[in-house]
Amino acid sequence: MVRAFGAVIPVLALVATAAGCSSSTGGDEQWLAEQQGTYCSRLGTWQKAENAGTQAPTPSGFDEVGAMAQDVLLAMHALRDEPVGGGRTLGEATAAAMNGSDPEAVERLVTYCEDANFETPPR
């Protein structure tokens, strides 16, 4: 009985490894889509607030648009190396859009989200 149990463990490990390999592509695509969905949703929320001009801090010093920008940056972290055109990565374009140093950065981000089948507010 001990020998049979010892032989089962390597077989289970091999089956688990093979199953993981065969489904990794679908899992990677699903993970990427989930990350993009989170990023694009947060980008859209930030963009709506930015367009509405609600940049004034509250009496307590809380800046709602700044907090939303922070959420976008956190969501961007997993996707930071994704290309967005113009020789830029998602991380670079997001940073430029959040600090207003590149007027085309938001355009690149909106295009990235549209290409990933996620909508953001009109530009």
C-alpha atoms as a PDB file:
ATOM      1  CA  MET A   1       0.000   0.000   0.000  1.00  0.00           C
ATOM      2  CA  VAL A   2       2.830   2.430   0.760  1.00  0.00           C
ATOM      3  CA  ARG A   3       4.383   1.842  -2.666  1.00  0.00           C
ATOM      4  CA  ALA A   4       1.110   2.528  -4.441  1.00  0.00           C
ATOM      5  CA  PHE A   5       0.700   5.758  -2.516  1.00  0.00           C
ATOM      6  CA  GLY A   6       4.266   6.784  -3.397  1.00  0.00           C
ATOM      7  CA  ALA A   7       3.590   6.245  -7.106  1.00  0.00           C
ATOM      8  CA  VAL A   8       0.358   8.236  -7.040  1.00  0.00           C
ATOM      9  CA  ILE A   9       1.966  11.490  -5.910  1.00  0.00           C
ATOM     10  CA  PRO A  10       4.254  11.912  -8.966  1.00  0.00           C
ATOM     11  CA  VAL A  11       1.359  11.050 -11.295  1.00  0.00           C
ATOM     12  CA  LEU A  12      -0.891  13.636  -9.596  1.00  0.00           C
ATOM     13  CA  ALA A  13       1.874  16.230  -9.836  1.00  0.00           C
ATOM     14  CA  LEU A  14       2.294  15.497 -13.552  1.00  0.00           C
ATOM     15  CA  VAL A  15      -1.461  15.754 -14.186  1.00  0.00           C
ATOM     16  CA  ALA A  16      -1.688  19.023 -12.265  1.00  0.00           C
ATOM     17  CA  THR A  17       1.260  20.463 -14.197  1.00  0.00           C
ATOM     18  CA  ALA A  18      -0.201  19.413 -17.542  1.00  0.00           C
ATOM     19  CA  ALA A  19      -3.608  20.824 -16.639  1.00  0.00           C
ATOM     20  CA  GLY A  20      -2.025  24.100 -15.588  1.00  0.00           C
ATOM     21  CA  CYS A  21      -0.124  24.386 -18.855  1.00  0.00           C
ATOM     22  CA  SER A  22      -3.081  23.680 -21.066  1.00  0.00           C
ATOM     23  CA  SER A  23      -5.296  26.261 -19.405  1.00  0.00           C
ATOM     24  CA  SER A  24      -2.703  28.968 -18.732  1.00  0.00           C
ATOM     25  CA  THR A  25      -3.387  30.843 -21.963  1.00  0.00           C
ATOM     26  CA  GLY A  26      -7.103  31.164 -21.227  1.00  0.00           C
ATOM     27  CA  GLY A  27      -6.319  32.127 -17.650  1.00  0.00           C
ATOM     28  CA  ASP A  28      -3.807  34.745 -18.781  1.00  0.00           C
ATOM     29  CA  GLU A  29      -6.316  36.246 -21.205  1.00  0.00           C
ATOM     30  CA  GLN A  30      -9.015  36.319 -18.537  1.00  0.00           C
ATOM     31  CA  TRP A  31      -6.617  37.893 -16.029  1.00  0.00           C
ATOM     32  CA  LEU A  32      -5.588  40.518 -18.589  1.00  0.00           C
ATOM     33  CA  ALA A  33      -9.227  41.310 -19.423  1.00  0.00           C
ATOM     34  CA  GLU A  34     -10.062  41.684 -15.725  1.00  0.00           C
ATOM     35  CA  GLN A  35      -7.087  44.012 -15.166  1.00  0.00           C
ATOM     36  CA  GLN A  36      -7.989  46.067 -18.228  1.00  0.00           C
ATOM     37  CA  GLY A  37     -11.611  46.283 -17.112  1.00  0.00           C
ATOM     38  CA  THR A  38     -10.603  47.546 -13.676  1.00  0.00           C
ATOM     39  CA  TYR A  39      -8.123  50.022 -15.135  1.00  0.00           C
ATOM     40  CA  CYS A  40     -10.495  51.375 -17.776  1.00  0.00           C
ATOM     41  CA  SER A  41     -13.359  51.678 -15.296  1.00  0.00           C
ATOM     42  CA  ARG A  42     -11.218  53.682 -12.889  1.00  0.00           C
ATOM     43  CA  LEU A  43      -9.819  55.765 -15.749  1.00  0.00           C
ATOM     44  CA  GLY A  44     -13.368  56.568 -16.856  1.00  0.00           C
ATOM     45  CA  THR A  45     -14.384  57.592 -13.330  1.00  0.00           C
ATOM     46  CA  TRP A  46     -11.326  59.849 -13.040  1.00  0.00           C
ATOM     47  CA  GLN A  47     -11.946  61.305 -16.489  1.00  0.00           C
ATOM     48  CA  LYS A  48     -15.592  62.158 -15.663  1.00  0.00           C
ATOM     49  CA  ALA A  49     -14.537  63.951 -12.482  1.00  0.00           C
ATOM     50  CA  GLU A  50     -11.685  65.707 -14.279  1.00  0.00           C
ATOM     51  CA  ASN A  51     -14.024  66.868 -17.062  1.00  0.00           C
ATOM     52  CA  ALA A  52     -16.610  68.055 -14.513  1.00  0.00           C
ATOM     53  CA  GLY A  53     -14.037  70.317 -12.913  1.00  0.00           C
ATOM     54  CA  THR A  54     -14.523  68.952  -9.392  1.00  0.00           C
ATOM     55  CA  GLN A  55     -10.888  69.541  -8.489  1.00  0.00           C
ATOM     56  CA  ALA A  56     -11.437  71.709  -5.408  1.00  0.00           C
ATOM     57  CA  PRO A  57     -10.482  69.968  -2.182  1.00  0.00           C
ATOM     58  CA  THR A  58     -13.172  69.562   0.436  1.00  0.00           C
ATOM     59  CA  PRO A  59     -12.893  71.565   3.682  1.00  0.00           C
ATOM     60  CA  SER A  60     -11.114  68.560   5.197  1.00  0.00           C
ATOM     61  CA  GLY A  61      -8.463  68.777   2.464  1.00  0.00           C
ATOM     62  CA  PHE A  62      -9.682  65.697   0.581  1.00  0.00           C
ATOM     63  CA  ASP A  63      -9.219  66.013  -3.188  1.00  0.00           C
ATOM     64  CA  GLU A  64     -11.705  63.663  -4.856  1.00  0.00           C
ATOM     65  CA  VAL A  65     -10.086  63.837  -8.312  1.00  0.00           C
ATOM     66  CA  GLY A  66      -6.668  63.205  -6.763  1.00  0.00           C
ATOM     67  CA  ALA A  67      -8.017  60.164  -4.953  1.00  0.00           C
ATOM     68  CA  MET A  68      -9.486  58.887  -8.221  1.00  0.00           C
ATOM     69  CA  ALA A  69      -6.138  59.431  -9.952  1.00  0.00           C
ATOM     70  CA  GLN A  70      -4.521  57.360  -7.223  1.00  0.00           C
ATOM     71  CA  ASP A  71      -7.027  54.554  -7.921  1.00  0.00           C
ATOM     72  CA  VAL A  72      -6.123  54.689 -11.624  1.00  0.00           C
ATOM     73  CA  LEU A  73      -2.421  54.470 -10.785  1.00  0.00           C
ATOM     74  CA  LEU A  74      -3.009  51.463  -8.546  1.00  0.00           C
ATOM     75  CA  ALA A  75      -5.013  49.693 -11.267  1.00  0.00           C
ATOM     76  CA  MET A  76      -2.337  50.541 -13.840  1.00  0.00           C
ATOM     77  CA  HIS A  77       0.445  48.847 -11.904  1.00  0.00           C
ATOM     78  CA  ALA A  78      -0.241  45.336 -13.265  1.00  0.00           C
ATOM     79  CA  LEU A  79      -0.486  46.684 -16.835  1.00  0.00           C
ATOM     80  CA  ARG A  80       2.302  49.258 -16.715  1.00  0.00           C
ATOM     81  CA  ASP A  81       4.328  47.708 -19.574  1.00  0.00           C
ATOM     82  CA  GLU A  82       1.429  47.450 -22.038  1.00  0.00           C
ATOM     83  CA  PRO A  83       2.157  49.491 -25.213  1.00  0.00           C
ATOM     84  CA  VAL A  84      -0.203  52.390 -25.940  1.00  0.00           C
ATOM     85  CA  GLY A  85       1.402  53.894 -29.030  1.00  0.00           C
ATOM     86  CA  GLY A  86       3.802  56.724 -29.597  1.00  0.00           C
ATOM     87  CA  GLY A  87       6.570  54.630 -28.032  1.00  0.00           C
ATOM     88  CA  ARG A  88       4.831  54.888 -24.657  1.00  0.00           C
ATOM     89  CA  THR A  89       3.804  52.282 -22.142  1.00  0.00           C
ATOM     90  CA  LEU A  90       0.556  52.373 -20.217  1.00  0.00           C
ATOM     91  CA  GLY A  91       2.513  53.366 -17.124  1.00  0.00           C
ATOM     92  CA  GLU A  92       4.180  56.318 -18.832  1.00  0.00           C
ATOM     93  CA  ALA A  93       0.967  57.508 -20.482  1.00  0.00           C
ATOM     94  CA  THR A  94      -0.999  57.175 -17.245  1.00  0.00           C
ATOM     95  CA  ALA A  95       1.558  59.188 -15.292  1.00  0.00           C
ATOM     96  CA  ALA A  96       1.576  61.877 -18.000  1.00  0.00           C
ATOM     97  CA  ALA A  97      -2.243  62.008 -18.070  1.00  0.00           C
ATOM     98  CA  MET A  98      -2.565  62.233 -14.299  1.00  0.00           C
ATOM     99  CA  ASN A  99      -0.159  65.151 -13.965  1.00  0.00           C
ATOM    100  CA  GLY A 100      -1.334  66.905 -17.141  1.00  0.00           C
ATOM    101  CA  SER A 101       2.112  67.018 -18.783  1.00  0.00           C
ATOM    102  CA  ASP A 102       1.021  65.355 -22.043  1.00  0.00           C
ATOM    103  CA  PRO A 103      -2.293  66.371 -23.618  1.00  0.00           C
ATOM    104  CA  GLU A 104      -2.198  63.335 -25.926  1.00  0.00           C
ATOM    105  CA  ALA A 105      -1.743  60.876 -23.046  1.00  0.00           C
ATOM    106  CA  VAL A 106      -5.458  60.688 -22.235  1.00  0.00           C
ATOM    107  CA  GLU A 107      -6.168  60.070 -25.923  1.00  0.00           C
ATOM    108  CA  ARG A 108      -3.728  57.143 -25.888  1.00  0.00           C
ATOM    109  CA  LEU A 109      -5.347  55.711 -22.760  1.00  0.00           C
ATOM    110  CA  VAL A 110      -8.865  56.034 -24.162  1.00  0.00           C
ATOM    111  CA  THR A 111      -7.732  54.327 -27.374  1.00  0.00           C
ATOM    112  CA  TYR A 112      -6.091  51.563 -25.316  1.00  0.00           C
ATOM    113  CA  CYS A 113      -9.362  50.974 -23.459  1.00  0.00           C
ATOM    114  CA  GLU A 114     -11.411  51.054 -26.670  1.00  0.00           C
ATOM    115  CA  ASP A 115      -9.037  48.531 -28.272  1.00  0.00           C
ATOM    116  CA  ALA A 116      -9.512  46.301 -25.207  1.00  0.00           C
ATOM    117  CA  ASN A 117     -13.317  46.627 -25.685  1.00  0.00           C
ATOM    118  CA  PHE A 118     -13.908  48.899 -22.711  1.00  0.00           C
ATOM    119  CA  GLU A 119     -15.548  52.290 -22.968  1.00  0.00           C
ATOM    120  CA  THR A 120     -14.509  55.501 -21.276  1.00  0.00           C
ATOM    121  CA  PRO A 121     -16.354  58.849 -21.336  1.00  0.00           C
ATOM    122  CA  PRO A 122     -16.172  60.988 -24.474  1.00  0.00           C
ATOM    123  CA  ARG A 123     -12.937  62.941 -24.798  1.00  0.00           C
END
